[in-house]
Amino acid sequence: MDYFLCVMGMVFIFEGLPYLVSPEKMKTYLIKITTLPDSTLRFAGISAILVGLILLYFGRR
């Protein structure tokens, strides 16, 4: 459980960095995301999940 909390902490740090460094660019980026079709967002989501699973698999070996 300690390892999980450390990993989640790192995720929050990396997710928060773009908002800290360049909030105006993040606003523009988020507006662009809302104009993308749902299928594109779903593909990006499943791709991120698969990459994460692959990294977990190789990280646990």
N, C-alpha and C. Protein backbone atom coordinates (compact mmCIF):
# COMPACT_ATOMS: atom_id res chain seq x y z
N MET A 1 0.82 -1.19 0.00
CA MET A 1 0.00 0.00 0.00
C MET A 1 0.87 1.26 0.00
N ASP A 2 2.03 1.21 0.68
CA ASP A 2 2.91 2.37 0.69
C ASP A 2 3.41 2.70 -0.71
N TYR A 3 3.74 1.66 -1.47
CA TYR A 3 4.22 1.86 -2.83
C TYR A 3 3.12 2.51 -3.68
N PHE A 4 1.89 2.04 -3.52
CA PHE A 4 0.76 2.59 -4.27
C PHE A 4 0.58 4.07 -3.96
N LEU A 5 0.67 4.43 -2.69
CA LEU A 5 0.50 5.84 -2.32
C LEU A 5 1.62 6.70 -2.90
N CYS A 6 2.83 6.17 -2.93
CA CYS A 6 3.95 6.91 -3.54
C CYS A 6 3.71 7.12 -5.04
N VAL A 7 3.24 6.09 -5.70
CA VAL A 7 2.97 6.19 -7.14
C VAL A 7 1.85 7.19 -7.39
N MET A 8 0.80 7.14 -6.60
CA MET A 8 -0.31 8.09 -6.78
C MET A 8 0.16 9.52 -6.51
N GLY A 9 1.04 9.69 -5.54
CA GLY A 9 1.59 11.02 -5.28
C GLY A 9 2.37 11.55 -6.47
N MET A 10 3.16 10.68 -7.09
CA MET A 10 3.92 11.09 -8.28
C MET A 10 2.97 11.44 -9.43
N VAL A 11 1.91 10.68 -9.58
CA VAL A 11 0.93 10.98 -10.63
C VAL A 11 0.35 12.38 -10.42
N PHE A 12 -0.04 12.69 -9.20
CA PHE A 12 -0.61 14.01 -8.92
C PHE A 12 0.41 15.12 -9.18
N ILE A 13 1.67 14.87 -8.84
CA ILE A 13 2.71 15.87 -9.09
C ILE A 13 2.86 16.13 -10.59
N PHE A 14 2.97 15.04 -11.38
CA PHE A 14 3.14 15.21 -12.82
C PHE A 14 1.90 15.79 -13.49
N GLU A 15 0.73 15.44 -12.98
CA GLU A 15 -0.49 16.00 -13.55
C GLU A 15 -0.64 17.48 -13.22
N GLY A 16 -0.13 17.91 -12.09
CA GLY A 16 -0.28 19.30 -11.68
C GLY A 16 0.75 20.24 -12.27
N LEU A 17 1.88 19.71 -12.71
CA LEU A 17 2.95 20.57 -13.24
C LEU A 17 2.53 21.47 -14.39
N PRO A 18 1.82 20.96 -15.41
CA PRO A 18 1.45 21.86 -16.52
C PRO A 18 0.56 23.03 -16.07
N TYR A 19 -0.31 22.79 -15.08
CA TYR A 19 -1.17 23.87 -14.59
C TYR A 19 -0.37 24.90 -13.82
N LEU A 20 0.68 24.49 -13.15
CA LEU A 20 1.54 25.41 -12.41
C LEU A 20 2.43 26.21 -13.35
N VAL A 21 3.02 25.53 -14.33
CA VAL A 21 4.00 26.17 -15.21
C VAL A 21 3.33 27.08 -16.25
N SER A 22 2.23 26.63 -16.83
CA SER A 22 1.63 27.39 -17.92
C SER A 22 0.10 27.25 -17.92
N PRO A 23 -0.57 27.93 -17.00
CA PRO A 23 -2.03 27.79 -16.92
C PRO A 23 -2.77 28.31 -18.16
N GLU A 24 -2.25 29.35 -18.80
CA GLU A 24 -2.96 29.88 -19.98
C GLU A 24 -2.91 28.90 -21.15
N LYS A 25 -1.79 28.19 -21.32
CA LYS A 25 -1.71 27.19 -22.39
C LYS A 25 -2.60 25.99 -22.07
N MET A 26 -2.72 25.65 -20.80
CA MET A 26 -3.58 24.53 -20.41
C MET A 26 -5.04 24.85 -20.71
N LYS A 27 -5.45 26.08 -20.49
CA LYS A 27 -6.83 26.48 -20.80
C LYS A 27 -7.11 26.30 -22.29
N THR A 28 -6.17 26.74 -23.12
CA THR A 28 -6.32 26.60 -24.57
C THR A 28 -6.38 25.13 -24.96
N TYR A 29 -5.51 24.34 -24.37
CA TYR A 29 -5.46 22.90 -24.65
C TYR A 29 -6.78 22.22 -24.26
N LEU A 30 -7.30 22.58 -23.09
CA LEU A 30 -8.55 21.96 -22.64
C LEU A 30 -9.73 22.35 -23.52
N ILE A 31 -9.72 23.57 -24.04
CA ILE A 31 -10.78 23.98 -24.97
C ILE A 31 -10.70 23.16 -26.25
N LYS A 32 -9.47 22.91 -26.74
CA LYS A 32 -9.29 22.10 -27.95
C LYS A 32 -9.77 20.67 -27.72
N ILE A 33 -9.55 20.14 -26.52
CA ILE A 33 -9.98 18.78 -26.22
C ILE A 33 -11.50 18.65 -26.32
N THR A 34 -12.23 19.68 -25.92
CA THR A 34 -13.69 19.61 -25.96
C THR A 34 -14.23 19.55 -27.39
N THR A 35 -13.43 19.96 -28.36
CA THR A 35 -13.89 19.93 -29.75
C THR A 35 -13.57 18.61 -30.45
N LEU A 36 -12.77 17.75 -29.80
CA LEU A 36 -12.43 16.46 -30.41
C LEU A 36 -13.61 15.51 -30.37
N PRO A 37 -13.73 14.64 -31.36
CA PRO A 37 -14.80 13.64 -31.32
C PRO A 37 -14.57 12.63 -30.19
N ASP A 38 -15.67 12.06 -29.71
CA ASP A 38 -15.59 11.08 -28.62
C ASP A 38 -14.72 9.89 -28.99
N SER A 39 -14.76 9.47 -30.24
CA SER A 39 -13.97 8.30 -30.64
C SER A 39 -12.47 8.56 -30.50
N THR A 40 -12.04 9.77 -30.77
CA THR A 40 -10.63 10.11 -30.63
C THR A 40 -10.22 10.09 -29.16
N LEU A 41 -11.07 10.62 -28.30
CA LEU A 41 -10.77 10.61 -26.87
C LEU A 41 -10.76 9.19 -26.32
N ARG A 42 -11.70 8.36 -26.79
CA ARG A 42 -11.72 6.97 -26.34
C ARG A 42 -10.45 6.24 -26.78
N PHE A 43 -10.01 6.48 -28.02
CA PHE A 43 -8.79 5.85 -28.50
C PHE A 43 -7.59 6.29 -27.67
N ALA A 44 -7.51 7.58 -27.36
CA ALA A 44 -6.41 8.08 -26.52
C ALA A 44 -6.46 7.45 -25.13
N GLY A 45 -7.66 7.30 -24.60
CA GLY A 45 -7.82 6.70 -23.28
C GLY A 45 -7.39 5.24 -23.25
N ILE A 46 -7.86 4.45 -24.22
CA ILE A 46 -7.50 3.04 -24.24
C ILE A 46 -6.02 2.87 -24.53
N SER A 47 -5.45 3.75 -25.34
CA SER A 47 -4.00 3.69 -25.60
C SER A 47 -3.20 3.95 -24.33
N ALA A 48 -3.62 4.94 -23.56
CA ALA A 48 -2.92 5.25 -22.31
C ALA A 48 -3.04 4.09 -21.32
N ILE A 49 -4.20 3.47 -21.26
CA ILE A 49 -4.40 2.32 -20.37
C ILE A 49 -3.51 1.16 -20.78
N LEU A 50 -3.45 0.88 -22.07
CA LEU A 50 -2.62 -0.23 -22.53
C LEU A 50 -1.14 0.02 -22.28
N VAL A 51 -0.68 1.24 -22.53
CA VAL A 51 0.71 1.56 -22.25
C VAL A 51 1.00 1.42 -20.75
N GLY A 52 0.07 1.88 -19.93
CA GLY A 52 0.23 1.74 -18.48
C GLY A 52 0.30 0.29 -18.05
N LEU A 53 -0.56 -0.55 -18.62
CA LEU A 53 -0.55 -1.98 -18.29
C LEU A 53 0.76 -2.64 -18.72
N ILE A 54 1.25 -2.27 -19.89
CA ILE A 54 2.51 -2.83 -20.37
C ILE A 54 3.66 -2.41 -19.46
N LEU A 55 3.68 -1.14 -19.06
CA LEU A 55 4.72 -0.67 -18.14
C LEU A 55 4.64 -1.39 -16.79
N LEU A 56 3.42 -1.60 -16.30
CA LEU A 56 3.27 -2.33 -15.04
C LEU A 56 3.76 -3.76 -15.17
N TYR A 57 3.45 -4.38 -16.29
CA TYR A 57 3.87 -5.77 -16.51
C TYR A 57 5.39 -5.88 -16.49
N PHE A 58 6.06 -5.01 -17.24
CA PHE A 58 7.51 -5.08 -17.30
C PHE A 58 8.16 -4.57 -16.02
N GLY A 59 7.50 -3.68 -15.31
CA GLY A 59 8.03 -3.18 -14.06
C GLY A 59 7.97 -4.21 -12.94
N ARG A 60 7.03 -5.13 -13.01
CA ARG A 60 6.85 -6.14 -11.97
C ARG A 60 7.66 -7.39 -12.24
N ARG A 61 8.27 -7.52 -13.43
CA ARG A 61 9.04 -8.72 -13.79
C ARG A 61 10.32 -8.81 -13.04
